[in-house]
């Protein structure tokens, strides 16, 4: 069996962390799959899906660490519209640090086993949608396969 559902999320700022675990759990329950896998996928190049412990200062810790890797006010050829001519959108944002953060710590999906109709996450693990760019409407999807 394959079960699929799309979701929208509105992020609030650059480096926003949204806990989507409850959405994933709801889709697993609705699917009726007892044993299988759930894939959570985000089709954006400046966002990430990650499984990690959700702790009170996690977002700030990640933000401050990544600001050392990709400082916001540095020069990036990606943001220099005098030399960059490809893949431009209207009102192209300066978002090279967001792309770097995604390349360093991000990935577009996570796959979690479903066993006995439940997500196989540790007690403190959560599934997070991480925005590296700016506040906006985003999408992600959940696909469950199994029996």
C-alpha atoms as a PDB file:
ATOM      1  CA  UNK A   1       0.000   0.000   0.000  1.00  0.00           C
ATOM      2  CA  UNK A   2       1.117   3.561  -0.706  1.00  0.00           C
ATOM      3  CA  UNK A   3      -0.430   6.554   1.056  1.00  0.00           C
ATOM      4  CA  UNK A   4       0.460  10.158   0.210  1.00  0.00           C
ATOM      5  CA  UNK A   5      -0.435  13.589   1.573  1.00  0.00           C
ATOM      6  CA  UNK A   6       0.772  17.150   0.841  1.00  0.00           C
ATOM      7  CA  UNK A   7       1.151  19.805   3.526  1.00  0.00           C
ATOM      8  CA  UNK A   8       1.728  23.553   3.614  1.00  0.00           C
ATOM      9  CA  UNK A   9       3.656  25.334   6.323  1.00  0.00           C
ATOM     10  CA  UNK A  10       4.337  29.026   6.787  1.00  0.00           C
ATOM     11  CA  UNK A  11       7.740  29.770   8.198  1.00  0.00           C
ATOM     12  CA  UNK A  12       8.224  32.806  10.395  1.00  0.00           C
ATOM     13  CA  UNK A  13      11.803  33.893   9.764  1.00  0.00           C
ATOM     14  CA  UNK A  14      15.235  32.949   8.498  1.00  0.00           C
ATOM     15  CA  UNK A  15      16.292  29.775  10.293  1.00  0.00           C
ATOM     16  CA  UNK A  16      12.869  28.857  11.573  1.00  0.00           C
ATOM     17  CA  UNK A  17      12.270  25.390  13.017  1.00  0.00           C
ATOM     18  CA  UNK A  18       8.773  23.897  12.750  1.00  0.00           C
ATOM     19  CA  UNK A  19       7.965  20.611  14.492  1.00  0.00           C
ATOM     20  CA  UNK A  20       5.936  18.497  12.041  1.00  0.00           C
ATOM     21  CA  UNK A  21       6.044  15.222  13.979  1.00  0.00           C
ATOM     22  CA  UNK A  22       2.342  15.330  14.856  1.00  0.00           C
ATOM     23  CA  UNK A  23       1.425  15.766  11.166  1.00  0.00           C
ATOM     24  CA  UNK A  24       3.548  12.749  10.265  1.00  0.00           C
ATOM     25  CA  UNK A  25       2.016  10.699  13.057  1.00  0.00           C
ATOM     26  CA  UNK A  26      -1.509  11.659  11.900  1.00  0.00           C
ATOM     27  CA  UNK A  27      -0.786  10.537   8.351  1.00  0.00           C
ATOM     28  CA  UNK A  28       0.631   7.236   9.595  1.00  0.00           C
ATOM     29  CA  UNK A  29      -2.562   6.678  11.596  1.00  0.00           C
ATOM     30  CA  UNK A  30      -4.804   7.637   8.649  1.00  0.00           C
ATOM     31  CA  UNK A  31      -2.925   5.337   6.271  1.00  0.00           C
ATOM     32  CA  UNK A  32      -3.632   2.206   8.259  1.00  0.00           C
ATOM     33  CA  UNK A  33      -0.073   1.009   7.588  1.00  0.00           C
ATOM     34  CA  UNK A  34       1.139  -1.191  10.423  1.00  0.00           C
ATOM     35  CA  UNK A  35       4.634  -1.990   9.170  1.00  0.00           C
ATOM     36  CA  UNK A  36       6.499   0.017   6.554  1.00  0.00           C
ATOM     37  CA  UNK A  37       8.282   3.306   6.105  1.00  0.00           C
ATOM     38  CA  UNK A  38       7.322   6.949   6.069  1.00  0.00           C
ATOM     39  CA  UNK A  39       9.177   9.391   3.842  1.00  0.00           C
ATOM     40  CA  UNK A  40       8.954  13.110   4.587  1.00  0.00           C
ATOM     41  CA  UNK A  41      10.157  15.213   1.640  1.00  0.00           C
ATOM     42  CA  UNK A  42      10.594  18.943   1.099  1.00  0.00           C
ATOM     43  CA  UNK A  43      11.000  20.235  -2.494  1.00  0.00           C
ATOM     44  CA  UNK A  44      12.847  23.444  -1.535  1.00  0.00           C
ATOM     45  CA  UNK A  45      16.606  24.049  -1.847  1.00  0.00           C
ATOM     46  CA  UNK A  46      16.782  26.326   1.192  1.00  0.00           C
ATOM     47  CA  UNK A  47      14.844  24.110   3.603  1.00  0.00           C
ATOM     48  CA  UNK A  48      15.531  20.820   5.294  1.00  0.00           C
ATOM     49  CA  UNK A  49      13.748  17.933   6.950  1.00  0.00           C
ATOM     50  CA  UNK A  50      15.599  16.513   9.932  1.00  0.00           C
ATOM     51  CA  UNK A  51      15.109  14.040  12.739  1.00  0.00           C
ATOM     52  CA  UNK A  52      16.694  15.335  15.915  1.00  0.00           C
ATOM     53  CA  UNK A  53      15.992  16.037  19.542  1.00  0.00           C
ATOM     54  CA  UNK A  54      13.765  19.100  19.877  1.00  0.00           C
ATOM     55  CA  UNK A  55      15.154  21.084  22.731  1.00  0.00           C
ATOM     56  CA  UNK A  56      14.362  24.649  23.849  1.00  0.00           C
ATOM     57  CA  UNK A  57      17.518  26.258  22.447  1.00  0.00           C
ATOM     58  CA  UNK A  58      18.151  23.980  19.467  1.00  0.00           C
ATOM     59  CA  UNK A  59      17.176  26.542  16.819  1.00  0.00           C
ATOM     60  CA  UNK A  60      19.359  29.262  18.343  1.00  0.00           C
ATOM     61  CA  UNK A  61      22.308  26.894  18.728  1.00  0.00           C
ATOM     62  CA  UNK A  62      22.037  25.761  15.110  1.00  0.00           C
ATOM     63  CA  UNK A  63      21.544  29.350  13.923  1.00  0.00           C
ATOM     64  CA  UNK A  64      24.643  30.647  15.716  1.00  0.00           C
ATOM     65  CA  UNK A  65      26.754  27.712  14.504  1.00  0.00           C
ATOM     66  CA  UNK A  66      25.638  28.142  10.917  1.00  0.00           C
ATOM     67  CA  UNK A  67      26.229  31.911  11.028  1.00  0.00           C
ATOM     68  CA  UNK A  68      29.897  31.092  11.494  1.00  0.00           C
ATOM     69  CA  UNK A  69      29.854  28.787   8.473  1.00  0.00           C
ATOM     70  CA  UNK A  70      27.829  31.142   6.235  1.00  0.00           C
ATOM     71  CA  UNK A  71      27.832  34.717   7.582  1.00  0.00           C
ATOM     72  CA  UNK A  72      24.944  36.791   6.245  1.00  0.00           C
ATOM     73  CA  UNK A  73      26.879  39.914   5.286  1.00  0.00           C
ATOM     74  CA  UNK A  74      29.705  38.343   3.284  1.00  0.00           C
ATOM     75  CA  UNK A  75      30.047  38.615  -0.488  1.00  0.00           C
ATOM     76  CA  UNK A  76      28.617  35.608  -2.347  1.00  0.00           C
ATOM     77  CA  UNK A  77      28.743  35.321  -6.128  1.00  0.00           C
ATOM     78  CA  UNK A  78      25.363  33.593  -5.925  1.00  0.00           C
ATOM     79  CA  UNK A  79      23.814  36.863  -4.747  1.00  0.00           C
ATOM     80  CA  UNK A  80      25.669  39.080  -7.242  1.00  0.00           C
ATOM     81  CA  UNK A  81      23.025  39.629  -9.913  1.00  0.00           C
ATOM     82  CA  UNK A  82      25.550  41.406 -12.128  1.00  0.00           C
ATOM     83  CA  UNK A  83      27.248  38.057 -12.767  1.00  0.00           C
ATOM     84  CA  UNK A  84      24.535  35.499 -11.973  1.00  0.00           C
ATOM     85  CA  UNK A  85      22.145  35.032 -14.870  1.00  0.00           C
ATOM     86  CA  UNK A  86      20.594  31.592 -14.279  1.00  0.00           C
ATOM     87  CA  UNK A  87      17.670  30.377 -12.177  1.00  0.00           C
ATOM     88  CA  UNK A  88      16.508  33.855 -11.258  1.00  0.00           C
ATOM     89  CA  UNK A  89      13.022  34.571  -9.951  1.00  0.00           C
ATOM     90  CA  UNK A  90      11.181  37.866  -9.672  1.00  0.00           C
ATOM     91  CA  UNK A  91      12.552  39.864  -6.723  1.00  0.00           C
ATOM     92  CA  UNK A  92      15.441  37.413  -6.362  1.00  0.00           C
ATOM     93  CA  UNK A  93      16.439  37.320  -2.682  1.00  0.00           C
ATOM     94  CA  UNK A  94      20.006  37.384  -1.414  1.00  0.00           C
ATOM     95  CA  UNK A  95      19.994  33.880   0.017  1.00  0.00           C
ATOM     96  CA  UNK A  96      23.425  32.338  -0.539  1.00  0.00           C
ATOM     97  CA  UNK A  97      23.841  31.668   3.211  1.00  0.00           C
ATOM     98  CA  UNK A  98      20.582  29.669   3.151  1.00  0.00           C
ATOM     99  CA  UNK A  99      21.875  27.501   0.292  1.00  0.00           C
ATOM    100  CA  UNK A 100      25.178  26.981   2.101  1.00  0.00           C
ATOM    101  CA  UNK A 101      23.395  26.009   5.330  1.00  0.00           C
ATOM    102  CA  UNK A 102      21.296  23.497   3.431  1.00  0.00           C
ATOM    103  CA  UNK A 103      24.403  22.065   1.737  1.00  0.00           C
ATOM    104  CA  UNK A 104      26.225  21.735   5.062  1.00  0.00           C
ATOM    105  CA  UNK A 105      23.528  20.476   7.396  1.00  0.00           C
ATOM    106  CA  UNK A 106      20.405  19.981   5.385  1.00  0.00           C
ATOM    107  CA  UNK A 107      18.751  17.284   3.408  1.00  0.00           C
ATOM    108  CA  UNK A 108      15.453  17.294   1.620  1.00  0.00           C
ATOM    109  CA  UNK A 109      14.024  14.165   3.232  1.00  0.00           C
ATOM    110  CA  UNK A 110      13.971  11.762   6.135  1.00  0.00           C
ATOM    111  CA  UNK A 111      12.783   8.162   6.136  1.00  0.00           C
ATOM    112  CA  UNK A 112      11.474   6.648   9.374  1.00  0.00           C
ATOM    113  CA  UNK A 113      10.356   3.049   9.955  1.00  0.00           C
ATOM    114  CA  UNK A 114       6.746   2.413  10.939  1.00  0.00           C
ATOM    115  CA  UNK A 115       6.461  -0.577  13.267  1.00  0.00           C
ATOM    116  CA  UNK A 116       3.211  -1.633  14.835  1.00  0.00           C
ATOM    117  CA  UNK A 117       1.487   1.432  13.402  1.00  0.00           C
ATOM    118  CA  UNK A 118       3.871   3.827  15.189  1.00  0.00           C
ATOM    119  CA  UNK A 119       6.833   5.936  14.152  1.00  0.00           C
ATOM    120  CA  UNK A 120      10.087   4.343  15.296  1.00  0.00           C
ATOM    121  CA  UNK A 121      11.466   7.477  16.900  1.00  0.00           C
ATOM    122  CA  UNK A 122      13.255   7.633  20.237  1.00  0.00           C
ATOM    123  CA  UNK A 123      11.377   9.369  23.046  1.00  0.00           C
ATOM    124  CA  UNK A 124      13.093  12.708  22.484  1.00  0.00           C
ATOM    125  CA  UNK A 125      13.269  12.614  18.687  1.00  0.00           C
ATOM    126  CA  UNK A 126      11.085  14.857  16.543  1.00  0.00           C
ATOM    127  CA  UNK A 127      10.730  15.454  12.811  1.00  0.00           C
ATOM    128  CA  UNK A 128      11.507  19.082  12.038  1.00  0.00           C
ATOM    129  CA  UNK A 129      11.004  21.301   9.005  1.00  0.00           C
ATOM    130  CA  UNK A 130      13.876  23.813   8.980  1.00  0.00           C
ATOM    131  CA  UNK A 131      13.734  27.050   7.000  1.00  0.00           C
ATOM    132  CA  UNK A 132      17.152  28.525   6.155  1.00  0.00           C
ATOM    133  CA  UNK A 133      15.946  31.410   3.982  1.00  0.00           C
ATOM    134  CA  UNK A 134      13.038  33.678   4.963  1.00  0.00           C
ATOM    135  CA  UNK A 135       9.433  33.720   6.105  1.00  0.00           C
ATOM    136  CA  UNK A 136       7.148  32.320   3.424  1.00  0.00           C
ATOM    137  CA  UNK A 137       4.698  29.596   2.500  1.00  0.00           C
ATOM    138  CA  UNK A 138       6.394  26.238   1.955  1.00  0.00           C
ATOM    139  CA  UNK A 139       5.326  22.700   1.131  1.00  0.00           C
ATOM    140  CA  UNK A 140       6.316  19.226   2.166  1.00  0.00           C
ATOM    141  CA  UNK A 141       4.825  15.808   1.544  1.00  0.00           C
ATOM    142  CA  UNK A 142       4.515  12.583   3.453  1.00  0.00           C
ATOM    143  CA  UNK A 143       4.503   9.219   1.697  1.00  0.00           C
ATOM    144  CA  UNK A 144       3.928   5.975   3.531  1.00  0.00           C
ATOM    145  CA  UNK A 145       4.568   2.554   2.065  1.00  0.00           C
ATOM    146  CA  UNK A 146       3.893  -0.744   3.767  1.00  0.00           C
ATOM    147  CA  UNK A 147       1.203  -3.111   4.847  1.00  0.00           C
END
